[in-house]
Amino acid sequence: LNQIASVNPNVNDFVESVNWSPNGKYLAVSGKLNADNIRVYSFDPAASPILNQIAFVSLDFGLGIIFSVNWSPDGKYLAVGGSLVGDSVRVYAFDPAASPILNQIASASTGGTTTTFSVNWSPDGKYLAVGSQLTGNNVQVYAFDP
């Protein structure tokens, strides 16, 4: 392995999850990133810089740490899960052609102040699997219809 790019926005930041978009042009990063909890970078190995931040989301509730990010199979949606009060799973729409902004379009509560540690789309993008610490229901599946 040869490192070709890196990002270190703040000495106190930490990353919990990274995930490539299906087309390989974008990298979603989550964790505690200064004031942001989710960042999206464009990726172009021929450009300088190779990674360029184009979108972000700052969350102001609960602990606000996102533990998992996952692109939908078509690359139009980004599912996130974390330590969030009320809705520990969110789905954001992403359309870099219109505007490189993440817009929340859906959410789900896994129960109380439960922490969601993992989110993953079904291959057809119609379902979202969620792994959390909720006693008795550690794995949940949600139908998704944008």
N, C-alpha and C. Protein backbone atom coordinates (compact mmCIF):
# COMPACT_ATOMS: atom_id res chain seq x y z
N LEU A 1 0.83 -1.17 0.00
CA LEU A 1 0.00 0.00 0.00
C LEU A 1 0.88 1.24 0.00
N ASN A 2 0.57 2.21 -0.86
CA ASN A 2 1.27 3.48 -0.91
C ASN A 2 0.28 4.61 -0.68
N GLN A 3 0.50 5.40 0.37
CA GLN A 3 -0.40 6.52 0.67
C GLN A 3 -0.26 7.58 -0.42
N ILE A 4 -1.41 8.04 -0.95
CA ILE A 4 -1.38 9.08 -1.98
C ILE A 4 -2.09 10.35 -1.54
N ALA A 5 -2.86 10.28 -0.45
CA ALA A 5 -3.57 11.47 0.03
C ALA A 5 -3.90 11.28 1.50
N SER A 6 -4.08 12.40 2.19
CA SER A 6 -4.53 12.35 3.58
C SER A 6 -5.22 13.66 3.91
N VAL A 7 -6.04 13.61 4.95
CA VAL A 7 -6.74 14.79 5.43
C VAL A 7 -6.64 14.77 6.95
N ASN A 8 -6.23 15.88 7.53
CA ASN A 8 -6.16 16.01 8.98
C ASN A 8 -6.63 17.40 9.35
N PRO A 9 -7.96 17.62 9.37
CA PRO A 9 -8.49 18.97 9.56
C PRO A 9 -8.28 19.57 10.94
N ASN A 10 -8.15 18.74 11.98
CA ASN A 10 -8.03 19.29 13.32
C ASN A 10 -7.39 18.24 14.21
N VAL A 11 -6.48 18.65 15.06
CA VAL A 11 -5.74 17.72 15.91
C VAL A 11 -6.65 16.93 16.85
N ASN A 12 -7.81 17.48 17.22
CA ASN A 12 -8.72 16.79 18.13
C ASN A 12 -9.78 15.95 17.42
N ASP A 13 -9.74 15.90 16.10
CA ASP A 13 -10.73 15.14 15.34
C ASP A 13 -10.44 13.65 15.43
N PHE A 14 -11.49 12.86 15.25
CA PHE A 14 -11.29 11.43 15.06
C PHE A 14 -12.35 10.93 14.08
N VAL A 15 -11.98 9.94 13.32
CA VAL A 15 -12.84 9.39 12.28
C VAL A 15 -13.35 8.03 12.74
N GLU A 16 -14.65 7.82 12.62
CA GLU A 16 -15.28 6.55 12.97
C GLU A 16 -15.54 5.68 11.75
N SER A 17 -15.84 6.32 10.60
CA SER A 17 -16.22 5.54 9.43
C SER A 17 -15.86 6.29 8.15
N VAL A 18 -15.46 5.53 7.14
CA VAL A 18 -15.25 6.07 5.80
C VAL A 18 -15.93 5.14 4.81
N ASN A 19 -16.44 5.71 3.70
CA ASN A 19 -17.13 4.88 2.72
C ASN A 19 -17.06 5.55 1.36
N TRP A 20 -16.65 4.79 0.33
CA TRP A 20 -16.57 5.28 -1.04
C TRP A 20 -17.95 5.29 -1.68
N SER A 21 -18.23 6.30 -2.50
CA SER A 21 -19.44 6.28 -3.32
C SER A 21 -19.27 5.17 -4.35
N PRO A 22 -20.37 4.64 -4.89
CA PRO A 22 -20.27 3.55 -5.86
C PRO A 22 -19.43 3.88 -7.09
N ASN A 23 -19.41 5.16 -7.51
CA ASN A 23 -18.62 5.52 -8.69
C ASN A 23 -17.17 5.86 -8.34
N GLY A 24 -16.82 5.85 -7.05
CA GLY A 24 -15.46 6.11 -6.63
C GLY A 24 -15.03 7.56 -6.67
N LYS A 25 -15.96 8.47 -6.93
CA LYS A 25 -15.63 9.90 -7.04
C LYS A 25 -15.74 10.65 -5.72
N TYR A 26 -16.38 10.04 -4.72
CA TYR A 26 -16.61 10.72 -3.45
C TYR A 26 -16.29 9.81 -2.28
N LEU A 27 -15.81 10.41 -1.20
CA LEU A 27 -15.49 9.69 0.01
C LEU A 27 -16.26 10.34 1.16
N ALA A 28 -17.13 9.57 1.81
CA ALA A 28 -17.86 10.06 2.98
C ALA A 28 -17.06 9.69 4.22
N VAL A 29 -16.96 10.65 5.14
CA VAL A 29 -16.19 10.47 6.37
C VAL A 29 -17.07 10.91 7.53
N SER A 30 -17.07 10.13 8.62
CA SER A 30 -17.86 10.51 9.78
C SER A 30 -17.07 10.31 11.06
N GLY A 31 -17.54 10.96 12.10
CA GLY A 31 -16.92 10.86 13.41
C GLY A 31 -17.09 12.17 14.16
N LYS A 32 -16.03 12.63 14.80
CA LYS A 32 -16.00 13.94 15.43
C LYS A 32 -14.99 14.76 14.65
N LEU A 33 -15.49 15.60 13.78
CA LEU A 33 -14.64 16.33 12.84
C LEU A 33 -14.78 17.82 13.10
N ASN A 34 -14.14 18.30 14.16
CA ASN A 34 -14.24 19.68 14.58
C ASN A 34 -15.71 20.00 14.80
N ALA A 35 -16.31 20.89 14.03
CA ALA A 35 -17.73 21.21 14.20
C ALA A 35 -18.62 20.32 13.33
N ASP A 36 -18.02 19.57 12.42
CA ASP A 36 -18.79 18.74 11.49
C ASP A 36 -18.83 17.30 11.99
N ASN A 37 -19.87 16.59 11.63
CA ASN A 37 -19.98 15.18 11.96
C ASN A 37 -19.89 14.30 10.73
N ILE A 38 -20.20 14.87 9.58
CA ILE A 38 -20.13 14.14 8.31
C ILE A 38 -19.46 15.06 7.30
N ARG A 39 -18.54 14.55 6.55
CA ARG A 39 -17.93 15.31 5.47
C ARG A 39 -17.89 14.44 4.22
N VAL A 40 -18.04 15.09 3.08
CA VAL A 40 -17.89 14.40 1.81
C VAL A 40 -16.76 15.08 1.05
N TYR A 41 -15.84 14.27 0.57
CA TYR A 41 -14.71 14.76 -0.21
C TYR A 41 -14.83 14.25 -1.64
N SER A 42 -14.52 15.10 -2.60
CA SER A 42 -14.38 14.61 -3.97
C SER A 42 -13.01 13.96 -4.06
N PHE A 43 -12.88 12.95 -4.90
CA PHE A 43 -11.63 12.22 -5.05
C PHE A 43 -11.21 12.21 -6.51
N ASP A 44 -10.04 12.77 -6.77
CA ASP A 44 -9.49 12.79 -8.12
C ASP A 44 -7.98 12.62 -8.01
N PRO A 45 -7.46 11.42 -8.27
CA PRO A 45 -6.03 11.18 -8.11
C PRO A 45 -5.16 12.00 -9.05
N ALA A 46 -5.74 12.60 -10.09
CA ALA A 46 -4.97 13.42 -11.02
C ALA A 46 -4.94 14.89 -10.59
N ALA A 47 -5.75 15.26 -9.61
CA ALA A 47 -5.86 16.66 -9.18
C ALA A 47 -5.00 16.91 -7.95
N SER A 48 -4.86 18.16 -7.64
CA SER A 48 -4.17 18.54 -6.41
C SER A 48 -5.01 19.63 -5.73
N PRO A 49 -5.57 19.43 -4.57
CA PRO A 49 -5.41 18.23 -3.76
C PRO A 49 -6.27 17.07 -4.29
N ILE A 50 -5.85 15.88 -3.96
CA ILE A 50 -6.56 14.67 -4.40
C ILE A 50 -7.93 14.59 -3.73
N LEU A 51 -7.98 14.92 -2.43
CA LEU A 51 -9.23 14.96 -1.68
C LEU A 51 -9.62 16.41 -1.43
N ASN A 52 -10.83 16.77 -1.84
CA ASN A 52 -11.30 18.14 -1.71
C ASN A 52 -12.68 18.13 -1.03
N GLN A 53 -12.82 18.75 0.15
CA GLN A 53 -14.10 18.75 0.85
C GLN A 53 -15.12 19.54 0.06
N ILE A 54 -16.29 18.90 -0.19
CA ILE A 54 -17.34 19.57 -0.95
C ILE A 54 -18.66 19.66 -0.21
N ALA A 55 -18.83 18.89 0.88
CA ALA A 55 -20.09 18.94 1.63
C ALA A 55 -19.83 18.54 3.07
N PHE A 56 -20.71 18.98 3.95
CA PHE A 56 -20.59 18.61 5.35
C PHE A 56 -21.95 18.73 6.03
N VAL A 57 -22.07 18.09 7.20
CA VAL A 57 -23.24 18.21 8.04
C VAL A 57 -22.74 18.36 9.47
N SER A 58 -23.26 19.34 10.18
CA SER A 58 -22.97 19.53 11.59
C SER A 58 -24.23 19.20 12.38
N LEU A 59 -24.10 18.31 13.33
CA LEU A 59 -25.25 17.89 14.12
C LEU A 59 -25.17 18.48 15.51
N ASP A 60 -26.29 18.93 16.03
CA ASP A 60 -26.32 19.58 17.33
C ASP A 60 -27.33 18.90 18.24
N PHE A 61 -27.14 17.61 18.47
CA PHE A 61 -28.02 16.91 19.39
C PHE A 61 -27.31 15.66 19.89
N GLY A 62 -27.72 15.20 21.07
CA GLY A 62 -27.09 14.03 21.65
C GLY A 62 -25.59 14.24 21.73
N LEU A 63 -24.85 13.17 21.58
CA LEU A 63 -23.40 13.28 21.52
C LEU A 63 -22.96 13.72 20.13
N GLY A 64 -23.85 13.52 19.16
CA GLY A 64 -23.56 14.00 17.82
C GLY A 64 -22.40 13.32 17.14
N ILE A 65 -22.12 12.08 17.48
CA ILE A 65 -21.04 11.35 16.82
C ILE A 65 -21.66 10.35 15.86
N ILE A 66 -21.23 10.41 14.61
CA ILE A 66 -21.71 9.48 13.60
C ILE A 66 -20.72 8.33 13.51
N PHE A 67 -21.20 7.12 13.77
CA PHE A 67 -20.34 5.94 13.78
C PHE A 67 -20.31 5.21 12.44
N SER A 68 -21.28 5.46 11.59
CA SER A 68 -21.34 4.71 10.34
C SER A 68 -21.92 5.57 9.22
N VAL A 69 -21.29 5.53 8.05
CA VAL A 69 -21.81 6.16 6.84
C VAL A 69 -21.79 5.12 5.73
N ASN A 70 -22.81 5.15 4.88
CA ASN A 70 -22.86 4.18 3.80
C ASN A 70 -23.66 4.75 2.63
N TRP A 71 -23.06 4.74 1.44
CA TRP A 71 -23.72 5.24 0.23
C TRP A 71 -24.73 4.21 -0.28
N SER A 72 -25.84 4.69 -0.79
CA SER A 72 -26.80 3.82 -1.46
C SER A 72 -26.14 3.28 -2.74
N PRO A 73 -26.63 2.16 -3.27
CA PRO A 73 -26.02 1.58 -4.47
C PRO A 73 -25.97 2.53 -5.67
N ASP A 74 -26.93 3.46 -5.77
CA ASP A 74 -26.92 4.41 -6.89
C ASP A 74 -26.11 5.68 -6.60
N GLY A 75 -25.60 5.81 -5.36
CA GLY A 75 -24.79 6.97 -4.99
C GLY A 75 -25.57 8.25 -4.76
N LYS A 76 -26.90 8.17 -4.73
CA LYS A 76 -27.72 9.37 -4.55
C LYS A 76 -28.05 9.66 -3.09
N TYR A 77 -27.82 8.68 -2.21
CA TYR A 77 -28.20 8.84 -0.81
C TYR A 77 -27.07 8.36 0.09
N LEU A 78 -26.98 9.00 1.24
CA LEU A 78 -25.99 8.63 2.23
C LEU A 78 -26.73 8.33 3.54
N ALA A 79 -26.64 7.09 3.99
CA ALA A 79 -27.23 6.72 5.28
C ALA A 79 -26.18 6.91 6.36
N VAL A 80 -26.63 7.41 7.51
CA VAL A 80 -25.73 7.62 8.63
C VAL A 80 -26.38 7.10 9.90
N GLY A 81 -25.56 6.60 10.79
CA GLY A 81 -26.05 6.14 12.09
C GLY A 81 -25.06 6.54 13.16
N GLY A 82 -25.60 6.83 14.34
CA GLY A 82 -24.69 7.26 15.40
C GLY A 82 -25.36 7.39 16.74
N SER A 83 -24.76 8.22 17.56
CA SER A 83 -25.24 8.48 18.90
C SER A 83 -26.06 9.76 18.85
N LEU A 84 -27.30 9.62 18.48
CA LEU A 84 -28.17 10.77 18.27
C LEU A 84 -29.45 10.58 19.07
N VAL A 85 -29.87 11.59 19.76
CA VAL A 85 -31.11 11.51 20.52
C VAL A 85 -32.28 11.69 19.57
N GLY A 86 -33.26 10.80 19.66
CA GLY A 86 -34.47 10.92 18.85
C GLY A 86 -34.42 10.10 17.59
N ASP A 87 -33.50 10.41 16.70
CA ASP A 87 -33.41 9.65 15.45
C ASP A 87 -31.96 9.26 15.21
N SER A 88 -31.63 8.03 15.50
CA SER A 88 -30.24 7.58 15.42
C SER A 88 -29.85 7.10 14.04
N VAL A 89 -30.78 7.19 13.09
CA VAL A 89 -30.50 6.85 11.69
C VAL A 89 -31.06 7.97 10.82
N ARG A 90 -30.25 8.44 9.89
CA ARG A 90 -30.71 9.47 8.96
C ARG A 90 -30.27 9.12 7.55
N VAL A 91 -31.05 9.62 6.59
CA VAL A 91 -30.68 9.47 5.18
C VAL A 91 -30.62 10.86 4.57
N TYR A 92 -29.52 11.13 3.88
CA TYR A 92 -29.31 12.41 3.21
C TYR A 92 -29.27 12.20 1.71
N ALA A 93 -29.88 13.11 0.96
CA ALA A 93 -29.79 13.10 -0.50
C ALA A 93 -28.51 13.83 -0.89
N PHE A 94 -27.88 13.35 -1.96
CA PHE A 94 -26.63 13.96 -2.44
C PHE A 94 -26.71 14.05 -3.96
N ASP A 95 -26.64 15.28 -4.47
CA ASP A 95 -26.64 15.50 -5.91
C ASP A 95 -25.57 16.55 -6.23
N PRO A 96 -24.35 16.10 -6.52
CA PRO A 96 -23.26 17.07 -6.76
C PRO A 96 -23.47 17.90 -8.02
N ALA A 97 -24.28 17.45 -8.96
CA ALA A 97 -24.53 18.22 -10.18
C ALA A 97 -25.39 19.45 -9.87
N ALA A 98 -26.38 19.28 -9.00
CA ALA A 98 -27.27 20.39 -8.64
C ALA A 98 -26.62 21.28 -7.59
N SER A 99 -26.14 20.67 -6.54
CA SER A 99 -25.51 21.39 -5.45
C SER A 99 -24.85 20.37 -4.53
N PRO A 100 -23.58 20.54 -4.26
CA PRO A 100 -22.91 19.53 -3.42
C PRO A 100 -23.25 19.69 -1.93
N ILE A 101 -24.52 19.51 -1.65
CA ILE A 101 -24.99 19.65 -0.28
C ILE A 101 -25.71 18.37 0.12
N LEU A 102 -25.58 18.00 1.38
CA LEU A 102 -26.33 16.87 1.91
C LEU A 102 -27.63 17.39 2.51
N ASN A 103 -28.76 16.91 1.99
CA ASN A 103 -30.07 17.32 2.48
C ASN A 103 -30.76 16.13 3.14
N GLN A 104 -31.12 16.28 4.43
CA GLN A 104 -31.79 15.19 5.12
C GLN A 104 -33.17 14.98 4.53
N ILE A 105 -33.48 13.71 4.17
CA ILE A 105 -34.79 13.41 3.59
C ILE A 105 -35.55 12.36 4.38
N ALA A 106 -34.87 11.64 5.30
CA ALA A 106 -35.55 10.61 6.08
C ALA A 106 -34.79 10.38 7.37
N SER A 107 -35.51 9.85 8.36
CA SER A 107 -34.88 9.49 9.62
C SER A 107 -35.68 8.38 10.28
N ALA A 108 -35.06 7.72 11.23
CA ALA A 108 -35.74 6.67 12.00
C ALA A 108 -35.16 6.66 13.40
N SER A 109 -35.98 6.32 14.34
CA SER A 109 -35.53 6.18 15.72
C SER A 109 -35.44 4.70 16.04
N THR A 110 -34.27 4.29 16.49
CA THR A 110 -34.12 2.89 16.90
C THR A 110 -34.53 2.71 18.35
N GLY A 111 -34.95 3.79 19.01
CA GLY A 111 -35.48 3.70 20.37
C GLY A 111 -34.68 4.47 21.39
N GLY A 112 -35.29 5.47 22.02
CA GLY A 112 -34.65 6.23 23.09
C GLY A 112 -33.36 6.89 22.67
N THR A 113 -32.33 6.68 23.45
CA THR A 113 -31.02 7.25 23.15
C THR A 113 -30.08 6.16 22.63
N THR A 114 -30.61 5.23 21.91
CA THR A 114 -29.82 4.12 21.38
C THR A 114 -28.75 4.61 20.42
N THR A 115 -27.63 3.95 20.46
CA THR A 115 -26.55 4.26 19.53
C THR A 115 -26.59 3.28 18.37
N THR A 116 -26.57 3.80 17.15
CA THR A 116 -26.48 2.98 15.95
C THR A 116 -25.02 2.90 15.54
N PHE A 117 -24.52 1.68 15.41
CA PHE A 117 -23.11 1.49 15.10
C PHE A 117 -22.86 1.15 13.63
N SER A 118 -23.89 0.68 12.93
CA SER A 118 -23.68 0.28 11.55
C SER A 118 -24.95 0.46 10.73
N VAL A 119 -24.78 0.97 9.50
CA VAL A 119 -25.88 1.07 8.54
C VAL A 119 -25.38 0.50 7.21
N ASN A 120 -26.28 -0.22 6.51
CA ASN A 120 -25.87 -0.82 5.25
C ASN A 120 -27.09 -1.01 4.35
N TRP A 121 -26.95 -0.57 3.09
CA TRP A 121 -28.02 -0.67 2.10
C TRP A 121 -28.09 -2.08 1.52
N SER A 122 -29.31 -2.49 1.14
CA SER A 122 -29.47 -3.72 0.36
C SER A 122 -28.94 -3.42 -1.05
N PRO A 123 -28.57 -4.45 -1.80
CA PRO A 123 -28.02 -4.22 -3.15
C PRO A 123 -28.94 -3.44 -4.09
N ASP A 124 -30.26 -3.53 -3.89
CA ASP A 124 -31.19 -2.79 -4.75
C ASP A 124 -31.53 -1.40 -4.21
N GLY A 125 -31.04 -1.04 -3.02
CA GLY A 125 -31.28 0.27 -2.44
C GLY A 125 -32.67 0.47 -1.85
N LYS A 126 -33.46 -0.60 -1.73
CA LYS A 126 -34.82 -0.49 -1.22
C LYS A 126 -34.91 -0.66 0.30
N TYR A 127 -33.83 -1.17 0.90
CA TYR A 127 -33.85 -1.45 2.33
C TYR A 127 -32.56 -0.98 2.98
N LEU A 128 -32.67 -0.61 4.25
CA LEU A 128 -31.52 -0.19 5.02
C LEU A 128 -31.46 -1.02 6.29
N ALA A 129 -30.36 -1.76 6.46
CA ALA A 129 -30.14 -2.55 7.67
C ALA A 129 -29.39 -1.69 8.67
N VAL A 130 -29.78 -1.81 9.94
CA VAL A 130 -29.22 -0.99 11.01
C VAL A 130 -28.80 -1.90 12.16
N GLY A 131 -27.59 -1.70 12.65
CA GLY A 131 -27.12 -2.43 13.82
C GLY A 131 -26.94 -1.46 14.97
N SER A 132 -27.58 -1.79 16.13
CA SER A 132 -27.55 -0.87 17.27
C SER A 132 -27.39 -1.64 18.57
N GLN A 133 -27.42 -0.91 19.67
CA GLN A 133 -27.30 -1.52 20.99
C GLN A 133 -28.66 -1.76 21.64
N LEU A 134 -29.74 -1.59 20.90
CA LEU A 134 -31.08 -1.74 21.46
C LEU A 134 -31.32 -3.19 21.89
N THR A 135 -31.57 -3.41 23.15
CA THR A 135 -31.77 -4.75 23.68
C THR A 135 -32.95 -5.43 23.00
N GLY A 136 -32.71 -6.62 22.49
CA GLY A 136 -33.76 -7.40 21.85
C GLY A 136 -33.95 -7.11 20.38
N ASN A 137 -33.52 -5.96 19.92
CA ASN A 137 -33.68 -5.59 18.51
C ASN A 137 -32.37 -4.98 17.98
N ASN A 138 -31.30 -5.71 18.10
CA ASN A 138 -30.00 -5.18 17.71
C ASN A 138 -29.85 -4.97 16.21
N VAL A 139 -30.61 -5.72 15.42
CA VAL A 139 -30.60 -5.54 13.97
C VAL A 139 -32.01 -5.21 13.53
N GLN A 140 -32.14 -4.12 12.79
CA GLN A 140 -33.44 -3.70 12.28
C GLN A 140 -33.30 -3.44 10.78
N VAL A 141 -34.37 -3.67 10.04
CA VAL A 141 -34.39 -3.40 8.62
C VAL A 141 -35.53 -2.42 8.34
N TYR A 142 -35.21 -1.37 7.58
CA TYR A 142 -36.18 -0.34 7.22
C TYR A 142 -36.38 -0.33 5.71
N ALA A 143 -37.62 -0.16 5.28
CA ALA A 143 -37.90 0.01 3.86
C ALA A 143 -37.58 1.46 3.51
N PHE A 144 -37.03 1.69 2.31
CA PHE A 144 -36.69 3.04 1.87
C PHE A 144 -37.32 3.32 0.52
N ASP A 145 -38.11 4.38 0.46
CA ASP A 145 -38.74 4.80 -0.78
C ASP A 145 -38.57 6.32 -0.88
N PRO A 146 -37.58 6.78 -1.66
CA PRO A 146 -37.30 8.22 -1.70
C PRO A 146 -38.46 9.00 -2.31
